[in-house]
């Protein structure tokens, strides 16, 4: 039985393939893949989405929102920070986290919007 999602003949568009290969050779796709790996954990995605909805949240609020302990929330927030996705500031005894920049906010919102559309298509 033939698969419908595979080419039935082999052909290459050499110019197009060479141009894409050249771009891939000078682009750090591994670094970008690490961003998605960090967001592939459901709890971290929830935290990132929560931070996209609010300008900043303290660690205690994040823990409450995602139903985790403060230690667990702190661990996930630290990982997001180490990956360059979040930043923090300390105010007295409280630590507030926010997304690193609008690029991260866009990634989160695009992923959520895309998933909602896919769900609606069924």
N, C-alpha and C. Protein backbone atom coordinates (compact mmCIF):
# COMPACT_ATOMS: atom_id res chain seq x y z
N UNK A 1 0.83 -1.18 0.00
CA UNK A 1 0.00 0.00 0.00
C UNK A 1 0.88 1.25 0.00
N UNK A 2 0.64 2.14 -0.95
CA UNK A 2 1.43 3.36 -1.06
C UNK A 2 0.95 4.41 -0.07
N UNK A 3 1.91 5.15 0.45
CA UNK A 3 1.57 6.26 1.33
C UNK A 3 1.21 7.47 0.49
N UNK A 4 0.17 8.17 0.88
CA UNK A 4 -0.28 9.33 0.13
C UNK A 4 0.54 10.58 0.42
N UNK A 5 1.28 10.58 1.54
CA UNK A 5 2.02 11.78 1.93
C UNK A 5 3.51 11.71 1.59
N UNK A 6 3.88 10.85 0.63
CA UNK A 6 5.27 10.70 0.20
C UNK A 6 5.33 10.84 -1.32
N UNK A 7 6.36 11.54 -1.80
CA UNK A 7 6.52 11.66 -3.26
C UNK A 7 6.62 10.27 -3.89
N UNK A 8 6.00 10.13 -5.04
CA UNK A 8 6.05 8.84 -5.73
C UNK A 8 7.27 8.74 -6.63
N UNK A 9 7.90 9.87 -6.94
CA UNK A 9 9.14 9.88 -7.71
C UNK A 9 10.14 10.78 -6.98
N UNK A 10 11.41 10.57 -7.25
CA UNK A 10 12.45 11.37 -6.62
C UNK A 10 12.88 12.48 -7.58
N UNK A 11 12.80 13.71 -7.11
CA UNK A 11 13.27 14.84 -7.90
C UNK A 11 13.75 15.92 -6.94
N UNK A 12 14.71 16.72 -7.39
CA UNK A 12 15.25 17.79 -6.56
C UNK A 12 15.24 19.08 -7.35
N UNK A 13 14.92 20.16 -6.68
CA UNK A 13 15.09 21.48 -7.27
C UNK A 13 16.41 21.99 -6.71
N UNK A 14 17.50 21.73 -7.44
CA UNK A 14 18.85 21.96 -6.94
C UNK A 14 19.10 23.37 -6.43
N UNK A 15 18.66 24.39 -7.16
CA UNK A 15 18.89 25.77 -6.73
C UNK A 15 18.21 26.04 -5.41
N UNK A 16 16.97 25.66 -5.32
CA UNK A 16 16.18 25.89 -4.10
C UNK A 16 16.79 25.12 -2.93
N UNK A 17 17.11 23.86 -3.14
CA UNK A 17 17.68 23.03 -2.08
C UNK A 17 19.02 23.58 -1.63
N UNK A 18 19.85 24.02 -2.56
CA UNK A 18 21.17 24.57 -2.23
C UNK A 18 21.03 25.86 -1.41
N UNK A 19 20.09 26.71 -1.77
CA UNK A 19 19.88 27.96 -1.04
C UNK A 19 19.45 27.69 0.40
N UNK A 20 18.56 26.74 0.57
CA UNK A 20 18.09 26.41 1.91
C UNK A 20 19.21 25.75 2.71
N UNK A 21 19.97 24.85 2.10
CA UNK A 21 21.09 24.21 2.78
C UNK A 21 22.10 25.25 3.25
N UNK A 22 22.37 26.24 2.41
CA UNK A 22 23.31 27.30 2.75
C UNK A 22 22.82 28.08 3.97
N UNK A 23 21.55 28.42 3.99
CA UNK A 23 20.98 29.15 5.13
C UNK A 23 21.04 28.31 6.40
N UNK A 24 20.71 27.03 6.29
CA UNK A 24 20.77 26.15 7.46
C UNK A 24 22.19 26.03 8.02
N UNK A 25 23.18 26.07 7.14
CA UNK A 25 24.57 25.92 7.56
C UNK A 25 25.03 27.09 8.44
N UNK A 26 24.45 28.25 8.28
CA UNK A 26 24.87 29.43 9.04
C UNK A 26 23.88 29.83 10.14
N UNK A 27 22.85 29.03 10.35
CA UNK A 27 21.83 29.34 11.34
C UNK A 27 21.91 28.34 12.48
N UNK A 28 21.86 28.85 13.71
CA UNK A 28 21.92 27.98 14.89
C UNK A 28 20.53 27.43 15.19
N UNK A 29 20.13 26.41 14.47
CA UNK A 29 18.82 25.81 14.70
C UNK A 29 18.79 25.08 16.05
N UNK A 30 19.93 24.62 16.52
CA UNK A 30 19.99 23.93 17.81
C UNK A 30 19.58 24.87 18.93
N UNK A 31 20.02 26.11 18.87
CA UNK A 31 19.63 27.10 19.88
C UNK A 31 18.13 27.35 19.87
N UNK A 32 17.57 27.45 18.68
CA UNK A 32 16.13 27.64 18.56
C UNK A 32 15.37 26.41 19.04
N UNK A 33 15.90 25.23 18.75
CA UNK A 33 15.26 23.98 19.19
C UNK A 33 15.22 23.91 20.72
N UNK A 34 16.25 24.43 21.38
CA UNK A 34 16.29 24.43 22.85
C UNK A 34 15.16 25.28 23.43
N UNK A 35 14.79 26.35 22.74
CA UNK A 35 13.67 27.17 23.18
C UNK A 35 12.40 26.33 23.19
N UNK A 36 12.17 25.62 22.11
CA UNK A 36 10.96 24.79 22.03
C UNK A 36 11.02 23.63 23.02
N UNK A 37 12.21 23.11 23.27
CA UNK A 37 12.35 22.04 24.26
C UNK A 37 11.97 22.57 25.64
N UNK A 38 12.40 23.78 25.96
CA UNK A 38 12.05 24.37 27.26
C UNK A 38 10.55 24.55 27.38
N UNK A 39 9.90 24.88 26.29
CA UNK A 39 8.45 25.11 26.31
C UNK A 39 7.65 23.83 26.11
N UNK A 40 8.32 22.71 25.86
CA UNK A 40 7.60 21.46 25.61
C UNK A 40 7.04 20.84 26.88
N UNK A 41 7.48 21.32 28.03
CA UNK A 41 6.94 20.86 29.30
C UNK A 41 5.64 21.63 29.58
N UNK A 42 4.56 20.93 29.88
CA UNK A 42 3.25 21.56 30.06
C UNK A 42 3.25 22.61 31.17
N UNK A 43 3.91 22.33 32.28
CA UNK A 43 3.95 23.31 33.37
C UNK A 43 4.69 24.57 32.94
N UNK A 44 5.82 24.42 32.25
CA UNK A 44 6.55 25.60 31.79
C UNK A 44 5.74 26.38 30.75
N UNK A 45 5.01 25.67 29.91
CA UNK A 45 4.17 26.36 28.93
C UNK A 45 3.06 27.13 29.63
N UNK A 46 2.47 26.53 30.66
CA UNK A 46 1.45 27.24 31.43
C UNK A 46 2.03 28.49 32.08
N UNK A 47 3.22 28.35 32.64
CA UNK A 47 3.87 29.50 33.27
C UNK A 47 4.15 30.59 32.23
N UNK A 48 4.69 30.19 31.10
CA UNK A 48 4.99 31.17 30.04
C UNK A 48 3.71 31.84 29.55
N UNK A 49 2.65 31.06 29.39
CA UNK A 49 1.37 31.64 28.95
C UNK A 49 0.83 32.60 30.00
N UNK A 50 0.92 32.22 31.26
CA UNK A 50 0.48 33.11 32.34
C UNK A 50 1.26 34.42 32.29
N UNK A 51 2.57 34.32 32.05
CA UNK A 51 3.40 35.53 31.96
C UNK A 51 3.10 36.33 30.71
N UNK A 52 2.53 35.70 29.69
CA UNK A 52 2.14 36.47 28.50
C UNK A 52 0.84 37.22 28.75
N UNK A 53 0.05 36.74 29.71
CA UNK A 53 -1.22 37.38 30.03
C UNK A 53 -1.06 38.53 31.02
N UNK A 54 -0.04 38.44 31.86
CA UNK A 54 0.26 39.47 32.85
C UNK A 54 1.68 39.99 32.58
N UNK A 55 1.89 41.25 32.84
CA UNK A 55 3.22 41.84 32.61
C UNK A 55 4.29 41.15 33.44
N UNK A 56 3.96 40.88 34.71
CA UNK A 56 4.87 40.14 35.58
C UNK A 56 4.07 39.51 36.72
N UNK A 57 4.64 38.45 37.27
CA UNK A 57 4.01 37.73 38.38
C UNK A 57 5.09 37.32 39.37
N UNK A 58 4.74 37.35 40.67
CA UNK A 58 5.72 36.86 41.65
C UNK A 58 5.69 35.33 41.65
N UNK A 59 6.75 34.74 42.15
CA UNK A 59 6.88 33.28 42.15
C UNK A 59 5.70 32.64 42.87
N UNK A 60 5.25 33.23 43.97
CA UNK A 60 4.12 32.67 44.73
C UNK A 60 2.84 32.66 43.88
N UNK A 61 2.61 33.73 43.12
CA UNK A 61 1.44 33.78 42.25
C UNK A 61 1.53 32.73 41.15
N UNK A 62 2.71 32.58 40.58
CA UNK A 62 2.90 31.57 39.54
C UNK A 62 2.60 30.19 40.09
N UNK A 63 3.10 29.89 41.28
CA UNK A 63 2.84 28.59 41.91
C UNK A 63 1.34 28.37 42.10
N UNK A 64 0.65 29.39 42.59
CA UNK A 64 -0.80 29.29 42.79
C UNK A 64 -1.52 29.06 41.45
N UNK A 65 -1.14 29.81 40.44
CA UNK A 65 -1.80 29.74 39.13
C UNK A 65 -1.68 28.34 38.52
N UNK A 66 -0.49 27.76 38.57
CA UNK A 66 -0.28 26.46 37.91
C UNK A 66 -0.48 25.27 38.85
N UNK A 67 -0.83 25.54 40.10
CA UNK A 67 -1.08 24.46 41.05
C UNK A 67 0.16 23.68 41.43
N UNK A 68 1.23 24.42 41.68
CA UNK A 68 2.51 23.79 42.03
C UNK A 68 3.02 24.39 43.34
N UNK A 69 4.04 23.76 43.89
CA UNK A 69 4.68 24.35 45.06
C UNK A 69 5.53 25.54 44.60
N UNK A 70 5.88 26.38 45.56
CA UNK A 70 6.75 27.52 45.24
C UNK A 70 8.10 27.02 44.72
N UNK A 71 8.60 25.94 45.30
CA UNK A 71 9.89 25.38 44.87
C UNK A 71 9.82 24.89 43.42
N UNK A 72 8.72 24.21 43.07
CA UNK A 72 8.56 23.71 41.71
C UNK A 72 8.43 24.86 40.72
N UNK A 73 7.60 25.85 41.06
CA UNK A 73 7.43 27.01 40.19
C UNK A 73 8.77 27.72 40.01
N UNK A 74 9.50 27.88 41.10
CA UNK A 74 10.81 28.54 41.04
C UNK A 74 11.77 27.79 40.13
N UNK A 75 11.76 26.46 40.23
CA UNK A 75 12.61 25.63 39.38
C UNK A 75 12.29 25.86 37.89
N UNK A 76 11.01 25.84 37.54
CA UNK A 76 10.61 26.04 36.15
C UNK A 76 10.91 27.47 35.68
N UNK A 77 10.68 28.43 36.54
CA UNK A 77 10.99 29.83 36.18
C UNK A 77 12.49 30.01 35.96
N UNK A 78 13.29 29.38 36.79
CA UNK A 78 14.75 29.47 36.64
C UNK A 78 15.18 28.88 35.30
N UNK A 79 14.58 27.75 34.93
CA UNK A 79 14.92 27.14 33.64
C UNK A 79 14.53 28.08 32.49
N UNK A 80 13.34 28.68 32.57
CA UNK A 80 12.92 29.63 31.53
C UNK A 80 13.87 30.82 31.47
N UNK A 81 14.32 31.27 32.65
CA UNK A 81 15.28 32.38 32.69
C UNK A 81 16.62 31.97 32.07
N UNK A 82 17.10 30.79 32.42
CA UNK A 82 18.39 30.31 31.89
C UNK A 82 18.35 30.12 30.38
N UNK A 83 17.17 29.85 29.84
CA UNK A 83 17.01 29.69 28.39
C UNK A 83 16.78 31.03 27.69
N UNK A 84 16.75 32.12 28.44
CA UNK A 84 16.57 33.44 27.86
C UNK A 84 15.12 33.77 27.54
N UNK A 85 14.19 33.01 28.13
CA UNK A 85 12.78 33.23 27.85
C UNK A 85 12.11 34.11 28.90
N UNK A 86 12.68 34.18 30.08
CA UNK A 86 12.11 34.98 31.16
C UNK A 86 13.22 35.76 31.87
N UNK A 87 12.81 36.78 32.60
CA UNK A 87 13.75 37.56 33.41
C UNK A 87 13.06 37.82 34.75
N UNK A 88 13.86 38.24 35.73
CA UNK A 88 13.26 38.50 37.03
C UNK A 88 13.84 39.77 37.65
N UNK A 89 13.11 40.24 38.65
CA UNK A 89 13.60 41.34 39.47
C UNK A 89 13.18 41.04 40.90
N UNK A 90 14.03 41.46 41.82
CA UNK A 90 13.74 41.22 43.22
C UNK A 90 13.29 42.54 43.85
N UNK A 91 12.22 42.45 44.62
CA UNK A 91 11.71 43.62 45.33
C UNK A 91 11.51 43.22 46.78
N UNK A 92 12.42 43.61 47.63
CA UNK A 92 12.37 43.16 49.03
C UNK A 92 12.54 41.66 49.09
N UNK A 93 11.55 40.99 49.67
CA UNK A 93 11.61 39.54 49.80
C UNK A 93 10.88 38.82 48.68
N UNK A 94 10.33 39.57 47.73
CA UNK A 94 9.58 38.98 46.62
C UNK A 94 10.40 38.99 45.34
N UNK A 95 10.17 37.98 44.51
CA UNK A 95 10.83 37.89 43.20
C UNK A 95 9.73 37.88 42.14
N UNK A 96 9.84 38.79 41.20
CA UNK A 96 8.85 38.93 40.13
C UNK A 96 9.47 38.49 38.81
N UNK A 97 8.74 37.68 38.07
CA UNK A 97 9.19 37.21 36.76
C UNK A 97 8.33 37.82 35.67
N UNK A 98 8.95 38.00 34.50
CA UNK A 98 8.25 38.44 33.30
C UNK A 98 8.90 37.75 32.11
N UNK A 99 8.23 37.78 30.99
CA UNK A 99 8.85 37.23 29.77
C UNK A 99 9.99 38.14 29.36
N UNK A 100 10.98 37.57 28.71
CA UNK A 100 12.19 38.33 28.37
C UNK A 100 11.91 39.48 27.42
N UNK A 101 11.08 39.23 26.40
CA UNK A 101 10.76 40.30 25.45
C UNK A 101 9.53 39.94 24.63
N UNK A 102 9.20 40.82 23.69
CA UNK A 102 8.00 40.60 22.87
C UNK A 102 8.14 39.41 21.93
N UNK A 103 9.36 39.02 21.58
CA UNK A 103 9.54 37.83 20.73
C UNK A 103 9.02 36.59 21.46
N UNK A 104 9.34 36.48 22.72
CA UNK A 104 8.89 35.33 23.51
C UNK A 104 7.37 35.38 23.65
N UNK A 105 6.83 36.55 23.95
CA UNK A 105 5.37 36.71 24.06
C UNK A 105 4.71 36.27 22.75
N UNK A 106 5.26 36.68 21.63
CA UNK A 106 4.71 36.31 20.32
C UNK A 106 4.75 34.80 20.11
N UNK A 107 5.87 34.16 20.45
CA UNK A 107 5.99 32.70 20.31
C UNK A 107 4.89 31.99 21.10
N UNK A 108 4.71 32.41 22.34
CA UNK A 108 3.71 31.79 23.21
C UNK A 108 2.32 31.98 22.62
N UNK A 109 2.00 33.22 22.26
CA UNK A 109 0.66 33.52 21.74
C UNK A 109 0.39 32.84 20.40
N UNK A 110 1.39 32.76 19.54
CA UNK A 110 1.22 32.08 18.26
C UNK A 110 0.97 30.58 18.49
N UNK A 111 1.71 29.98 19.40
CA UNK A 111 1.53 28.56 19.69
C UNK A 111 0.13 28.28 20.24
N UNK A 112 -0.32 29.11 21.16
CA UNK A 112 -1.65 28.93 21.75
C UNK A 112 -2.73 29.13 20.69
N UNK A 113 -2.61 30.19 19.90
CA UNK A 113 -3.59 30.47 18.84
C UNK A 113 -3.62 29.35 17.82
N UNK A 114 -2.46 28.88 17.40
CA UNK A 114 -2.39 27.79 16.42
C UNK A 114 -3.07 26.54 16.96
N UNK A 115 -2.77 26.20 18.22
CA UNK A 115 -3.38 24.99 18.80
C UNK A 115 -4.90 25.12 18.87
N UNK A 116 -5.40 26.28 19.23
CA UNK A 116 -6.86 26.49 19.27
C UNK A 116 -7.46 26.28 17.89
N UNK A 117 -6.81 26.79 16.84
CA UNK A 117 -7.31 26.62 15.47
C UNK A 117 -7.30 25.16 15.05
N UNK A 118 -6.24 24.44 15.39
CA UNK A 118 -6.15 23.02 15.06
C UNK A 118 -7.26 22.24 15.77
N UNK A 119 -7.50 22.58 17.04
CA UNK A 119 -8.58 21.91 17.79
C UNK A 119 -9.94 22.16 17.13
N UNK A 120 -10.17 23.38 16.67
CA UNK A 120 -11.45 23.74 16.05
C UNK A 120 -11.66 22.99 14.73
N UNK A 121 -10.57 22.76 14.00
CA UNK A 121 -10.68 22.02 12.74
C UNK A 121 -11.04 20.58 12.98
N UNK A 122 -10.65 20.11 14.19
CA UNK A 122 -10.98 18.73 14.58
C UNK A 122 -10.17 17.76 13.89
